[in-house]
Amino acid sequence: MPRLKIFLALSTLLLSSLACVTLFGEKPASAGVSVTDFGKPPSVAVPSETASCPIITEQIVSVNSPVDLSNDISKDFSESADDEETSYLVTYLVSGNELHDPYYEDVPADLKDEQNDSNAHQQIWNYFTALIPLEYRPTLAEFSIMTDGTDNILAAVAQTYDDPNRWGLEVDIADTSDYYYLSFTLVHEFAHLLSLGPDQVPPSIPIFNNPEDNDIYVQESSACTTFFPGEGCSNPDSYMNAFYQEFWTDIYDEWNEINLEEDEDLYYEKLDDFYYKYEDQFLTDYSVTHPAEDIAEAFGFFVFADQPDGDTIAEQKILFFYQYPELVQLRSAILSNLCVNFPQ
């Protein structure tokens, strides 16, 4: 997996280790809802009409949870970095639930079958739109099919090339057979749309137009009084800023020093140490790579896992979302959609 310290916002979930690479909502936070300081937020009951398919959700949680903590993050990530280069096959424009105007890339002959398998492309898209209600993805403008071979990048989101207010979803056609991974991953990627979209994080035009200019990035970031995930200053009442203020202020400077490490091997070694130092604060090893990945991972467990007691900070990150009635309602809708549409 390539590790790209570019200040854009794109996450790509690794099939093998639930990890994303960062290039990097739609519903705004409810007015007047406060976020407690590491306390348990008020419990919000899940609506009784929520469909229940515990065998499916328990398996989704199981396969996407850390299972062998003796494995180093650095080993998982550095091995991924050596995998095949990503090849984009086709990009569709999105209008609501519909795909149209496919743009086909020039690809090697051995990828032609995957490129031309429009039925498979449509099946992946249909599953995503079946899970995530239309009204929660108004900024999604493109859908891309790509591949880097099996067991590496599964899916990603990023701002579109020509409009920082519009986003694209991309999925590796080679890694979509396991719907336990795919379901969690699609919800994880949707969480980025939810928490980094223009109503939550108004995009910085200078950064969007000059993505490799570190001076502009530092200037924009320094002028920000709220959390700066990369695209711009998060709104004070945004999910991203509230999550950062509750869970990251005490550890961010330590993490950022690691994030600025230029030696690749040393970076991953330090990230390993950081993860094991604060292991009770993170739901997965990939959560430590960026606060934006942390909130996306936590949102995935919020959707698919049972409501926890909040005995650890990691569990409190799941409870964080229960403070927002609109997100509890969204969780109910996604779970109902999952139970109806998960392949049997």
Protein backbone atom coordinates (compact mmCIF):
# COMPACT_ATOMS: atom_id res chain seq x y z
CA MET A 1 0.00 0.00 0.00
CA PRO A 2 1.48 3.37 -0.91
CA ARG A 3 1.64 5.76 1.97
CA LEU A 4 0.96 9.25 0.64
CA LYS A 5 1.51 12.18 2.94
CA ILE A 6 -0.37 14.55 0.67
CA PHE A 7 -2.84 16.83 2.35
CA LEU A 8 -5.99 15.69 0.58
CA ALA A 9 -8.66 13.45 2.00
CA LEU A 10 -8.98 10.03 0.51
CA SER A 11 -9.16 6.80 2.45
CA THR A 12 -8.67 3.36 1.04
CA LEU A 13 -9.53 0.37 3.15
CA LEU A 14 -7.15 -2.57 3.07
CA LEU A 15 -8.96 -5.86 2.80
CA SER A 16 -6.26 -7.74 4.71
CA SER A 17 -5.93 -5.52 7.77
CA LEU A 18 -8.85 -3.07 7.78
CA ALA A 19 -6.40 -0.29 7.03
CA CYS A 20 -6.69 2.72 4.78
CA VAL A 21 -4.27 4.93 2.96
CA THR A 22 -4.89 8.60 3.45
CA LEU A 23 -4.90 11.05 0.56
CA PHE A 24 -7.37 12.88 1.84
CA GLY A 25 -21.11 14.55 5.45
CA GLU A 26 -23.67 15.15 4.76
CA LYS A 27 -26.02 15.63 7.72
CA PRO A 28 -24.84 18.48 10.00
CA ALA A 29 -24.54 18.01 13.71
CA SER A 30 -27.69 18.82 15.62
CA ALA A 31 -27.68 22.30 17.10
CA GLY A 32 -27.48 22.42 20.86
CA VAL A 33 -26.15 18.88 21.34
CA SER A 34 -23.11 18.94 23.59
CA VAL A 35 -20.23 16.51 23.57
CA THR A 36 -19.00 15.32 26.93
CA ASP A 37 -15.32 15.12 27.86
CA PHE A 38 -14.64 11.37 27.84
CA GLY A 39 -17.91 10.81 29.66
CA LYS A 40 -20.62 8.47 28.50
CA PRO A 41 -23.00 10.37 26.21
CA PRO A 42 -26.71 10.04 26.85
CA SER A 43 -28.07 6.78 25.52
CA VAL A 44 -30.44 7.02 22.59
CA ALA A 45 -32.61 3.99 22.00
CA VAL A 46 -32.49 2.44 18.56
CA PRO A 47 -35.96 2.61 17.01
CA SER A 48 -37.91 -0.58 17.61
CA GLU A 49 -38.64 -1.01 13.91
CA THR A 50 -34.96 -1.54 13.13
CA ALA A 51 -34.53 -4.79 11.25
CA SER A 52 -32.47 -7.36 13.14
CA CYS A 53 -30.01 -9.75 11.52
CA PRO A 54 -27.52 -10.43 14.35
CA ILE A 55 -25.80 -13.34 12.61
CA ILE A 56 -24.79 -10.99 9.80
CA THR A 57 -23.81 -8.00 11.95
CA GLU A 58 -21.86 -10.13 14.42
CA GLN A 59 -19.84 -11.62 11.57
CA ILE A 60 -19.21 -8.18 10.06
CA VAL A 61 -17.89 -6.95 13.41
CA SER A 62 -15.83 -10.10 13.92
CA VAL A 63 -13.99 -10.07 10.59
CA ASN A 64 -13.28 -6.34 10.85
CA SER A 65 -11.89 -6.40 14.41
CA PRO A 66 -8.23 -6.93 15.36
CA VAL A 67 -7.60 -10.61 15.91
CA ASP A 68 -3.82 -10.93 16.39
CA LEU A 69 -2.31 -7.98 18.19
CA SER A 70 1.15 -9.54 17.94
CA ASN A 71 1.27 -8.49 14.28
CA ASP A 72 2.91 -5.14 13.76
CA ILE A 73 1.10 -2.37 11.94
CA SER A 74 4.34 -1.64 10.17
CA LYS A 75 4.44 -5.17 8.77
CA ASP A 76 0.86 -4.98 7.48
CA PHE A 77 1.29 -1.54 5.95
CA SER A 78 4.76 -1.93 4.49
CA GLU A 79 3.86 -5.24 2.85
CA SER A 80 0.85 -3.55 1.29
CA ALA A 81 3.08 -0.81 -0.06
CA ASP A 82 4.83 -3.34 -2.26
CA ASP A 83 1.65 -4.54 -3.92
CA GLU A 84 0.54 -3.78 -7.44
CA GLU A 85 -0.06 -0.26 -8.67
CA THR A 86 -3.69 0.81 -8.78
CA SER A 87 -5.27 0.69 -12.23
CA TYR A 88 -8.45 2.65 -12.84
CA LEU A 89 -10.77 0.84 -15.24
CA VAL A 90 -13.87 2.97 -15.64
CA THR A 91 -15.49 5.98 -13.99
CA TYR A 92 -19.23 6.61 -14.07
CA LEU A 93 -21.02 9.84 -13.37
CA VAL A 94 -23.63 9.63 -10.62
CA SER A 95 -27.11 11.10 -10.61
CA GLY A 96 -28.93 10.04 -7.47
CA ASN A 97 -29.04 6.24 -7.64
CA GLU A 98 -28.18 6.08 -11.32
CA LEU A 99 -24.87 5.61 -13.14
CA HIS A 100 -24.30 7.11 -16.57
CA ASP A 101 -21.66 8.28 -19.08
CA PRO A 102 -18.90 5.78 -18.30
CA TYR A 103 -15.35 6.89 -19.09
CA TYR A 104 -13.11 3.95 -19.94
CA GLU A 105 -9.39 4.17 -19.21
CA ASP A 106 -6.68 2.62 -21.35
CA VAL A 107 -5.89 -0.65 -19.60
CA PRO A 108 -3.79 -3.75 -20.33
CA ALA A 109 -5.44 -6.63 -22.12
CA ASP A 110 -5.59 -8.73 -18.93
CA LEU A 111 -7.90 -6.13 -17.35
CA LYS A 112 -10.31 -5.80 -20.26
CA ASP A 113 -12.75 -8.37 -18.90
CA GLU A 114 -13.02 -6.56 -15.55
CA GLN A 115 -13.30 -3.22 -17.31
CA ASN A 116 -16.16 -4.40 -19.53
CA ASP A 117 -18.10 -6.25 -16.83
CA SER A 118 -20.75 -3.58 -16.46
CA ASN A 119 -23.08 -6.01 -14.69
CA ALA A 120 -20.53 -6.47 -11.90
CA HIS A 121 -19.99 -2.71 -11.69
CA GLN A 122 -23.73 -2.17 -11.39
CA GLN A 123 -24.04 -4.88 -8.74
CA ILE A 124 -21.44 -3.20 -6.53
CA TRP A 125 -23.07 0.20 -7.00
CA ASN A 126 -26.54 -1.20 -6.32
CA TYR A 127 -25.35 -2.69 -3.04
CA PHE A 128 -23.86 0.61 -1.91
CA THR A 129 -27.02 2.54 -2.79
CA ALA A 130 -29.14 -0.13 -1.12
CA LEU A 131 -27.22 0.36 2.14
CA ILE A 132 -26.87 4.15 2.24
CA PRO A 133 -30.05 6.23 1.87
CA LEU A 134 -30.01 8.63 -1.06
CA GLU A 135 -30.56 11.75 1.03
CA TYR A 136 -27.27 11.18 2.88
CA ARG A 137 -25.05 11.23 -0.21
CA PRO A 138 -25.90 14.41 -2.17
CA THR A 139 -22.24 15.22 -2.88
CA LEU A 140 -21.39 11.83 -4.41
CA ALA A 141 -20.80 12.61 -8.08
CA GLU A 142 -18.61 9.78 -9.41
CA PHE A 143 -18.21 6.02 -9.04
CA SER A 144 -15.00 4.34 -10.19
CA ILE A 145 -14.02 0.72 -10.66
CA MET A 146 -10.32 0.14 -10.10
CA THR A 147 -8.01 -2.69 -9.09
CA ASP A 148 -4.58 -3.24 -7.56
CA GLY A 149 -4.92 -6.99 -7.44
CA THR A 150 -6.45 -8.97 -4.61
CA ASP A 151 -6.21 -8.37 -0.88
CA ASN A 152 -5.01 -4.79 -0.87
CA ILE A 153 -7.06 -1.63 -1.39
CA LEU A 154 -10.79 -2.39 -1.27
CA ALA A 155 -12.43 1.02 -1.55
CA ALA A 156 -11.74 4.74 -1.31
CA VAL A 157 -13.33 8.16 -1.49
CA ALA A 158 -11.84 11.45 -2.67
CA GLN A 159 -12.84 14.89 -3.82
CA THR A 160 -13.43 14.95 -7.55
CA TYR A 161 -10.75 16.31 -9.85
CA ASP A 162 -12.58 19.51 -10.80
CA ASP A 163 -14.86 20.32 -7.84
CA PRO A 164 -13.84 20.22 -4.15
CA ASN A 165 -17.50 20.13 -3.12
CA ARG A 166 -18.14 16.88 -5.00
CA TRP A 167 -16.79 13.45 -4.13
CA GLY A 168 -16.12 10.13 -5.80
CA LEU A 169 -16.29 6.55 -4.55
CA GLU A 170 -13.97 3.91 -5.97
CA VAL A 171 -14.05 0.15 -5.40
CA ASP A 172 -11.59 -2.61 -6.31
CA ILE A 173 -13.52 -5.13 -8.38
CA ALA A 174 -11.05 -7.86 -7.38
CA ASP A 175 -11.93 -7.63 -3.67
CA THR A 176 -15.73 -7.52 -3.58
CA SER A 177 -16.64 -11.17 -3.10
CA ASP A 178 -16.61 -11.08 0.72
CA TYR A 179 -19.64 -9.03 1.70
CA TYR A 180 -18.67 -9.00 5.38
CA TYR A 181 -15.61 -6.93 4.50
CA LEU A 182 -17.37 -5.05 1.72
CA SER A 183 -20.30 -3.96 3.91
CA PHE A 184 -18.07 -2.55 6.64
CA THR A 185 -15.78 -0.91 4.10
CA LEU A 186 -18.59 0.84 2.23
CA VAL A 187 -19.96 2.20 5.51
CA HIS A 188 -16.44 3.29 6.51
CA GLU A 189 -16.02 5.17 3.23
CA PHE A 190 -19.48 6.68 3.54
CA ALA A 191 -18.42 7.95 6.99
CA HIS A 192 -15.83 10.10 5.22
CA LEU A 193 -18.52 11.60 3.01
CA LEU A 194 -20.57 12.21 6.14
CA SER A 195 -17.79 13.81 8.19
CA LEU A 196 -15.64 15.54 5.55
CA GLY A 197 -18.23 16.83 3.09
CA PRO A 198 -18.56 20.56 2.40
CA ASP A 199 -21.34 21.15 4.95
CA GLN A 200 -19.03 19.74 7.64
CA VAL A 201 -15.61 20.81 6.34
CA PRO A 202 -15.83 23.69 3.85
CA PRO A 203 -13.05 22.99 1.36
CA SER A 204 -10.01 25.23 1.10
CA ILE A 205 -9.76 26.31 -2.52
CA PRO A 206 -6.03 27.16 -2.27
CA ILE A 207 -5.26 23.65 -0.99
CA PHE A 208 -7.51 22.00 -3.56
CA ASN A 209 -5.84 23.92 -6.39
CA ASN A 210 -2.33 23.33 -5.02
CA PRO A 211 -2.39 19.89 -3.37
CA GLU A 212 1.40 19.51 -3.24
CA ASP A 213 2.23 22.98 -1.95
CA ASN A 214 3.15 22.50 1.70
CA ASP A 215 3.50 26.25 2.28
CA ILE A 216 -0.13 26.81 1.34
CA TYR A 217 -1.17 23.87 3.47
CA VAL A 218 0.67 25.22 6.52
CA GLN A 219 -0.77 28.69 5.96
CA GLU A 220 -4.34 27.39 5.70
CA SER A 221 -3.92 25.03 8.62
CA SER A 222 -2.38 27.71 10.86
CA ALA A 223 -5.29 30.04 10.23
CA CYS A 224 -7.77 27.41 11.38
CA THR A 225 -9.26 27.62 14.89
CA THR A 226 -10.97 24.22 14.64
CA PHE A 227 -9.62 20.82 13.66
CA PHE A 228 -8.05 20.82 10.21
CA PRO A 229 -8.40 17.35 8.62
CA GLY A 230 -6.83 18.38 5.32
CA GLU A 231 -9.57 19.72 3.08
CA GLY A 232 -10.19 22.84 5.15
CA CYS A 233 -11.26 24.02 8.61
CA SER A 234 -13.96 21.84 10.10
CA ASN A 235 -17.06 23.68 11.23
CA PRO A 236 -17.19 24.16 15.02
CA ASP A 237 -20.32 21.98 15.32
CA SER A 238 -19.19 19.37 12.79
CA TYR A 239 -18.90 15.70 13.66
CA MET A 240 -15.19 15.79 12.82
CA ASN A 241 -14.38 18.74 15.08
CA ALA A 242 -16.48 17.39 17.97
CA PHE A 243 -14.81 13.97 17.68
CA TYR A 244 -11.35 15.53 17.59
CA GLN A 245 -12.05 17.78 20.59
CA GLU A 246 -13.31 14.87 22.64
CA PHE A 247 -10.75 12.21 21.78
CA TRP A 248 -7.61 13.67 20.19
CA THR A 249 -6.54 16.92 21.84
CA ASP A 250 -4.35 15.19 24.44
CA ILE A 251 -2.54 12.95 21.94
CA TYR A 252 -2.59 14.91 18.69
CA ASP A 253 0.79 16.63 19.08
CA GLU A 254 2.47 13.31 19.84
CA TRP A 255 0.73 11.70 16.85
CA ASN A 256 1.53 14.61 14.53
CA GLU A 257 5.24 14.36 15.31
CA ILE A 258 5.07 10.76 14.12
CA ASN A 259 3.02 11.76 11.08
CA LEU A 260 5.76 14.16 9.99
CA GLU A 261 8.41 11.43 10.06
CA GLU A 262 9.90 11.20 6.56
CA ASP A 263 11.63 7.83 6.92
CA GLU A 264 9.02 5.25 5.92
CA ASP A 265 10.27 2.39 8.09
CA LEU A 266 10.74 4.61 11.11
CA TYR A 267 7.29 6.11 10.60
CA TYR A 268 5.61 2.71 10.82
CA GLU A 269 7.74 1.67 13.80
CA LYS A 270 6.70 4.80 15.67
CA LEU A 271 3.08 4.31 14.65
CA ASP A 272 3.26 0.78 16.07
CA ASP A 273 4.51 2.16 19.38
CA PHE A 274 1.83 4.85 19.41
CA TYR A 275 -0.92 2.29 18.81
CA TYR A 276 0.19 -0.05 21.58
CA LYS A 277 0.71 2.86 23.97
CA TYR A 278 -2.90 3.98 23.49
CA GLU A 279 -4.42 0.65 22.52
CA ASP A 280 -7.51 1.10 24.72
CA GLN A 281 -8.35 4.27 22.79
CA PHE A 282 -8.57 2.73 19.31
CA LEU A 283 -10.95 0.20 17.80
CA THR A 284 -8.50 -0.94 15.11
CA ASP A 285 -4.84 -0.42 14.31
CA TYR A 286 -5.74 1.66 11.29
CA SER A 287 -7.61 4.14 13.46
CA VAL A 288 -4.28 5.59 14.61
CA THR A 289 -3.27 6.73 11.12
CA HIS A 290 -5.41 9.89 11.19
CA PRO A 291 -8.30 11.34 13.24
CA ALA A 292 -10.43 11.19 10.08
CA GLU A 293 -9.76 7.45 9.83
CA ASP A 294 -10.46 7.05 13.54
CA ILE A 295 -13.94 8.55 13.23
CA ALA A 296 -14.67 6.47 10.11
CA GLU A 297 -13.64 3.25 11.86
CA ALA A 298 -15.70 4.18 14.93
CA PHE A 299 -18.72 4.93 12.73
CA GLY A 300 -18.46 1.47 11.21
CA PHE A 301 -18.63 -0.14 14.63
CA PHE A 302 -21.41 2.26 15.65
CA VAL A 303 -23.49 0.93 12.77
CA PHE A 304 -22.77 -2.79 13.05
CA ALA A 305 -21.89 -3.45 16.71
CA ASP A 306 -24.19 -3.47 19.71
CA GLN A 307 -24.21 -0.34 21.85
CA PRO A 308 -21.31 -0.79 24.32
CA ASP A 309 -21.03 0.23 27.97
CA GLY A 310 -18.29 2.76 27.30
CA ASP A 311 -15.75 1.30 29.71
CA THR A 312 -12.84 2.24 27.42
CA ILE A 313 -12.16 5.29 25.30
CA ALA A 314 -12.46 3.06 22.23
CA GLU A 315 -16.00 2.16 23.27
CA GLN A 316 -16.75 5.81 24.03
CA LYS A 317 -15.91 6.55 20.40
CA ILE A 318 -18.79 4.28 19.39
CA LEU A 319 -21.08 5.95 21.92
CA PHE A 320 -20.09 9.35 20.50
CA PHE A 321 -22.51 8.94 17.61
CA TYR A 322 -25.48 8.15 19.87
CA GLN A 323 -25.48 11.83 20.89
CA TYR A 324 -26.87 12.70 17.47
CA PRO A 325 -30.48 11.59 16.92
CA GLU A 326 -30.10 11.92 13.15
CA LEU A 327 -27.21 9.44 13.21
CA VAL A 328 -29.15 6.98 15.34
CA GLN A 329 -31.92 7.21 12.75
CA LEU A 330 -29.36 6.71 9.97
CA ARG A 331 -27.94 3.67 11.76
CA SER A 332 -31.41 2.18 11.93
CA ALA A 333 -31.91 2.75 8.20
CA ILE A 334 -28.55 1.20 7.24
CA LEU A 335 -29.15 -1.87 9.41
CA SER A 336 -32.63 -2.33 7.98
CA ASN A 337 -31.21 -2.04 4.48
CA LEU A 338 -28.42 -4.49 5.32
CA CYS A 339 -30.79 -7.15 6.60
CA VAL A 340 -32.86 -6.96 3.43
CA ASN A 341 -30.03 -6.73 0.92
CA PHE A 342 -27.12 -8.78 2.31
CA PRO A 343 -26.51 -11.69 -0.11
CA GLN A 344 -27.70 -15.01 1.28
